[in-house]
Amino acid sequence: MIRFEEVGKVYPDGTTAVDGLSFEVAEGELVTLVGPSGCGKTTTMMMVNRLIEPTSGRILVGGEDISQVDPVRLRRRIGYVIQQVGLFPHRTVLDNTATVPTLLGWKKRRARARAAELLDLVGLDPKTFGDRYPEQLSGG
């Protein structure tokens, strides 16, 4: 479960990216954030794993307030599809996807098998896309 409780993000220049956002996503539920460019979709997603810190409100993951969790540990237990600059250009899509399991000490075979499952989950056939490099995929 992920829950936002009156979450806000105001940047130092006074720009409000997110204002009083509250919602809950149950385990296994799929949610899509829709809106025009600049409305706070990416900021909202980046606050879940603390790549961006909220300036107000609370975000809970599994009932735990993420502000109380080490950001590195938090990121290693949350699935997140990274695009463009967050990818290692010299590593294949499969190896990029296996990065966190590898950091957690998984054996290479297990990490790559899980990475293949995750690629399939997001609609990328691992046999077709796994050996490609990020530059060989579209940005979307």
C-alpha atoms as a PDB file:
ATOM      1  CA  MET A   1       0.000   0.000   0.000  1.00  0.00           C
ATOM      2  CA  ILE A   2       1.123   3.521  -0.801  1.00  0.00           C
ATOM      3  CA  ARG A   3      -0.677   6.414   0.858  1.00  0.00           C
ATOM      4  CA  PHE A   4      -0.244  10.148   0.312  1.00  0.00           C
ATOM      5  CA  GLU A   5      -1.598  12.310   3.129  1.00  0.00           C
ATOM      6  CA  GLU A   6      -1.868  16.011   2.193  1.00  0.00           C
ATOM      7  CA  VAL A   7       1.507  15.865   0.443  1.00  0.00           C
ATOM      8  CA  GLY A   8       2.989  19.018  -1.003  1.00  0.00           C
ATOM      9  CA  LYS A   9       6.146  20.080  -2.742  1.00  0.00           C
ATOM     10  CA  VAL A  10       7.179  23.714  -3.022  1.00  0.00           C
ATOM     11  CA  TYR A  11      10.562  24.479  -4.572  1.00  0.00           C
ATOM     12  CA  PRO A  12      12.886  27.171  -3.157  1.00  0.00           C
ATOM     13  CA  ASP A  13      11.878  29.613  -5.924  1.00  0.00           C
ATOM     14  CA  GLY A  14       8.268  29.385  -4.716  1.00  0.00           C
ATOM     15  CA  THR A  15       7.005  27.050  -7.463  1.00  0.00           C
ATOM     16  CA  THR A  16       4.327  24.715  -6.152  1.00  0.00           C
ATOM     17  CA  ALA A  17       4.649  21.348  -7.893  1.00  0.00           C
ATOM     18  CA  VAL A  18       2.237  19.380  -5.691  1.00  0.00           C
ATOM     19  CA  ASP A  19      -0.374  20.829  -3.337  1.00  0.00           C
ATOM     20  CA  GLY A  20      -2.267  18.833  -0.694  1.00  0.00           C
ATOM     21  CA  LEU A  21      -2.286  15.530  -2.603  1.00  0.00           C
ATOM     22  CA  SER A  22      -4.059  12.653  -0.845  1.00  0.00           C
ATOM     23  CA  PHE A  23      -4.739   9.193  -2.256  1.00  0.00           C
ATOM     24  CA  GLU A  24      -4.123   5.534  -1.527  1.00  0.00           C
ATOM     25  CA  VAL A  25      -2.981   2.712  -3.773  1.00  0.00           C
ATOM     26  CA  ALA A  26      -3.729  -0.787  -2.486  1.00  0.00           C
ATOM     27  CA  GLU A  27      -1.231  -3.603  -2.946  1.00  0.00           C
ATOM     28  CA  GLY A  28      -1.592  -5.016  -6.461  1.00  0.00           C
ATOM     29  CA  GLU A  29      -3.639  -2.054  -7.674  1.00  0.00           C
ATOM     30  CA  LEU A  30      -2.528  -0.160 -10.780  1.00  0.00           C
ATOM     31  CA  VAL A  31      -2.811   3.612 -10.858  1.00  0.00           C
ATOM     32  CA  THR A  32      -2.048   6.082 -13.611  1.00  0.00           C
ATOM     33  CA  LEU A  33      -1.216   9.725 -13.012  1.00  0.00           C
ATOM     34  CA  VAL A  34      -2.572  11.792 -15.884  1.00  0.00           C
ATOM     35  CA  GLY A  35      -2.188  15.485 -16.519  1.00  0.00           C
ATOM     36  CA  PRO A  36      -0.486  18.129 -18.600  1.00  0.00           C
ATOM     37  CA  SER A  37       3.245  18.721 -18.631  1.00  0.00           C
ATOM     38  CA  GLY A  38       4.371  20.434 -15.442  1.00  0.00           C
ATOM     39  CA  CYS A  39       1.424  19.407 -13.273  1.00  0.00           C
ATOM     40  CA  GLY A  40       3.495  17.351 -10.785  1.00  0.00           C
ATOM     41  CA  LYS A  41       3.225  13.754 -12.031  1.00  0.00           C
ATOM     42  CA  THR A  42       6.962  13.086 -12.055  1.00  0.00           C
ATOM     43  CA  THR A  43       7.492  15.003  -8.808  1.00  0.00           C
ATOM     44  CA  THR A  44       4.805  12.869  -7.169  1.00  0.00           C
ATOM     45  CA  MET A  45       6.438   9.649  -8.332  1.00  0.00           C
ATOM     46  CA  MET A  46       9.903  10.799  -7.288  1.00  0.00           C
ATOM     47  CA  MET A  47       8.651  11.632  -3.800  1.00  0.00           C
ATOM     48  CA  VAL A  48       7.637   7.992  -3.226  1.00  0.00           C
ATOM     49  CA  ASN A  49      11.267   6.856  -3.237  1.00  0.00           C
ATOM     50  CA  ARG A  50      12.625  10.137  -1.830  1.00  0.00           C
ATOM     51  CA  LEU A  51      14.485  11.222  -4.938  1.00  0.00           C
ATOM     52  CA  ILE A  52      12.547  14.412  -4.185  1.00  0.00           C
ATOM     53  CA  GLU A  53      11.602  15.204  -0.582  1.00  0.00           C
ATOM     54  CA  PRO A  54       8.084  16.508   0.075  1.00  0.00           C
ATOM     55  CA  THR A  55       7.832  19.840   1.871  1.00  0.00           C
ATOM     56  CA  SER A  56       4.581  18.909   3.625  1.00  0.00           C
ATOM     57  CA  GLY A  57       2.374  15.932   4.392  1.00  0.00           C
ATOM     58  CA  ARG A  58       3.272  12.273   4.741  1.00  0.00           C
ATOM     59  CA  ILE A  59       3.863   9.379   2.392  1.00  0.00           C
ATOM     60  CA  LEU A  60       3.462   5.866   3.737  1.00  0.00           C
ATOM     61  CA  VAL A  61       4.621   2.678   2.032  1.00  0.00           C
ATOM     62  CA  GLY A  62       3.361  -0.507   3.628  1.00  0.00           C
ATOM     63  CA  GLY A  63       2.115   1.596   6.556  1.00  0.00           C
ATOM     64  CA  GLU A  64       5.598   3.020   7.217  1.00  0.00           C
ATOM     65  CA  ASP A  65       6.317   6.746   7.001  1.00  0.00           C
ATOM     66  CA  ILE A  66       9.049   6.945   4.363  1.00  0.00           C
ATOM     67  CA  SER A  67      10.596  10.024   5.976  1.00  0.00           C
ATOM     68  CA  GLN A  68      11.768   7.688   8.741  1.00  0.00           C
ATOM     69  CA  VAL A  69      13.430   5.192   6.366  1.00  0.00           C
ATOM     70  CA  ASP A  70      16.973   5.413   5.012  1.00  0.00           C
ATOM     71  CA  PRO A  71      16.518   6.575   1.388  1.00  0.00           C
ATOM     72  CA  VAL A  72      18.913   3.973  -0.032  1.00  0.00           C
ATOM     73  CA  ARG A  73      17.149   1.104   1.758  1.00  0.00           C
ATOM     74  CA  LEU A  74      13.795   2.514   0.673  1.00  0.00           C
ATOM     75  CA  ARG A  75      14.806   2.691  -3.004  1.00  0.00           C
ATOM     76  CA  ARG A  76      16.130  -0.846  -2.980  1.00  0.00           C
ATOM     77  CA  ARG A  77      12.764  -2.229  -1.912  1.00  0.00           C
ATOM     78  CA  ILE A  78      10.558  -0.181  -4.247  1.00  0.00           C
ATOM     79  CA  GLY A  79      10.117  -1.026  -7.916  1.00  0.00           C
ATOM     80  CA  TYR A  80      10.664   1.970 -10.154  1.00  0.00           C
ATOM     81  CA  VAL A  81      10.973   2.123 -13.922  1.00  0.00           C
ATOM     82  CA  ILE A  82      13.832   4.468 -14.749  1.00  0.00           C
ATOM     83  CA  GLN A  83      14.162   6.103 -18.155  1.00  0.00           C
ATOM     84  CA  GLN A  84      16.818   8.013 -20.047  1.00  0.00           C
ATOM     85  CA  VAL A  85      19.489   9.626 -17.804  1.00  0.00           C
ATOM     86  CA  GLY A  86      18.915   7.132 -14.967  1.00  0.00           C
ATOM     87  CA  LEU A  87      20.114   4.227 -17.096  1.00  0.00           C
ATOM     88  CA  PHE A  88      23.662   3.015 -17.613  1.00  0.00           C
ATOM     89  CA  PRO A  89      24.272   3.460 -21.365  1.00  0.00           C
ATOM     90  CA  HIS A  90      27.041   0.821 -21.446  1.00  0.00           C
ATOM     91  CA  ARG A  91      24.824  -1.891 -19.925  1.00  0.00           C
ATOM     92  CA  THR A  92      22.040  -3.824 -21.616  1.00  0.00           C
ATOM     93  CA  VAL A  93      18.397  -3.321 -20.712  1.00  0.00           C
ATOM     94  CA  LEU A  94      18.443  -6.634 -18.833  1.00  0.00           C
ATOM     95  CA  ASP A  95      21.575  -5.686 -16.878  1.00  0.00           C
ATOM     96  CA  ASN A  96      20.179  -2.224 -16.087  1.00  0.00           C
ATOM     97  CA  THR A  97      17.042  -3.902 -14.760  1.00  0.00           C
ATOM     98  CA  ALA A  98      19.128  -6.306 -12.647  1.00  0.00           C
ATOM     99  CA  THR A  99      21.034  -3.449 -10.967  1.00  0.00           C
ATOM    100  CA  VAL A 100      19.201  -3.402  -7.627  1.00  0.00           C
ATOM    101  CA  PRO A 101      19.110  -7.190  -7.133  1.00  0.00           C
ATOM    102  CA  THR A 102      22.842  -7.200  -7.886  1.00  0.00           C
ATOM    103  CA  LEU A 103      23.408  -4.436  -5.310  1.00  0.00           C
ATOM    104  CA  LEU A 104      21.464  -6.546  -2.819  1.00  0.00           C
ATOM    105  CA  GLY A 105      23.937  -9.387  -3.347  1.00  0.00           C
ATOM    106  CA  TRP A 106      21.816 -11.691  -5.494  1.00  0.00           C
ATOM    107  CA  LYS A 107      23.697 -14.182  -7.644  1.00  0.00           C
ATOM    108  CA  LYS A 108      23.900 -13.106 -11.287  1.00  0.00           C
ATOM    109  CA  ARG A 109      21.577 -15.854 -12.585  1.00  0.00           C
ATOM    110  CA  ARG A 110      18.846 -15.019 -10.044  1.00  0.00           C
ATOM    111  CA  ALA A 111      19.171 -11.249 -10.661  1.00  0.00           C
ATOM    112  CA  ARG A 112      18.910 -11.683 -14.437  1.00  0.00           C
ATOM    113  CA  ALA A 113      15.926 -14.057 -14.103  1.00  0.00           C
ATOM    114  CA  ARG A 114      14.096 -11.494 -11.951  1.00  0.00           C
ATOM    115  CA  ALA A 115      15.054  -8.740 -14.383  1.00  0.00           C
ATOM    116  CA  ALA A 116      13.523 -10.770 -17.216  1.00  0.00           C
ATOM    117  CA  GLU A 117      10.299 -11.145 -15.183  1.00  0.00           C
ATOM    118  CA  LEU A 118      10.209  -7.393 -14.584  1.00  0.00           C
ATOM    119  CA  LEU A 119      10.780  -6.572 -18.255  1.00  0.00           C
ATOM    120  CA  ASP A 120       7.881  -8.839 -19.122  1.00  0.00           C
ATOM    121  CA  LEU A 121       5.753  -7.142 -16.455  1.00  0.00           C
ATOM    122  CA  VAL A 122       6.184  -3.736 -18.124  1.00  0.00           C
ATOM    123  CA  GLY A 123       5.531  -5.127 -21.609  1.00  0.00           C
ATOM    124  CA  LEU A 124       9.100  -5.548 -22.852  1.00  0.00           C
ATOM    125  CA  ASP A 125       9.778  -9.061 -24.115  1.00  0.00           C
ATOM    126  CA  PRO A 126      13.141  -9.917 -22.531  1.00  0.00           C
ATOM    127  CA  LYS A 127      14.117 -12.012 -25.564  1.00  0.00           C
ATOM    128  CA  THR A 128      13.526  -9.024 -27.848  1.00  0.00           C
ATOM    129  CA  PHE A 129      14.693  -6.145 -25.657  1.00  0.00           C
ATOM    130  CA  GLY A 130      16.953  -7.650 -22.967  1.00  0.00           C
ATOM    131  CA  ASP A 131      20.166  -7.548 -25.012  1.00  0.00           C
ATOM    132  CA  ARG A 132      19.562  -4.073 -26.381  1.00  0.00           C
ATOM    133  CA  TYR A 133      21.129  -0.935 -24.970  1.00  0.00           C
ATOM    134  CA  PRO A 134      19.104   2.050 -23.690  1.00  0.00           C
ATOM    135  CA  GLU A 135      19.883   4.127 -26.778  1.00  0.00           C
ATOM    136  CA  GLN A 136      18.199   1.419 -28.879  1.00  0.00           C
ATOM    137  CA  LEU A 137      14.834   1.973 -27.165  1.00  0.00           C
ATOM    138  CA  SER A 138      12.400   4.840 -27.480  1.00  0.00           C
ATOM    139  CA  GLY A 139      12.363   7.386 -24.644  1.00  0.00           C
ATOM    140  CA  GLY A 140       8.787   6.614 -23.684  1.00  0.00           C
END
